[in-house]
Amino acid sequence: MTDFLPKEVLDGLNAARKRDLKRRSHRRVHVGEDVYPILEYAEEGFAVDAENAPRLRGLVDIYDGPRHLYQALIVASAKEGDLMRYEYKRNTPAADHAPVDFEQPVTKVAGLLTR
């Protein structure tokens, strides 16, 4: 079907598709101070816009809005059209509290009753 459309129309359709993906994406990858929207996300990795993102590599943080989801070690996988795909070497869920270094009792006191 794309063989019959003029190049200008195809470029407009691709730009509209990319704009729609950026608008719908909530997840972002943080590399130091730089932030890039994740256009496609999967268990094995993610994809970002190839034009705006450099070849990312190493330790990154993945956020869903303001919530920190993962800390990941990534490598560039392949460039597919307008998307640059990255695969995880390690993908660790982010914790919202520090790990405890002591055994916690099984029964905790919920509260004290006074007379």
Foldseek 3Di string as FASTA:
>chain_A
DVVPDDPVVVVVVVVVVLVVLQVPFQKWKDDPPDIFTFSADDPFWTKGFPVPDDQDFAWIWMDRHPHTFWIFGWGFDDDDVRITIIGTPDIGGDDPDDDDPDDDDPDDDPDDDDD
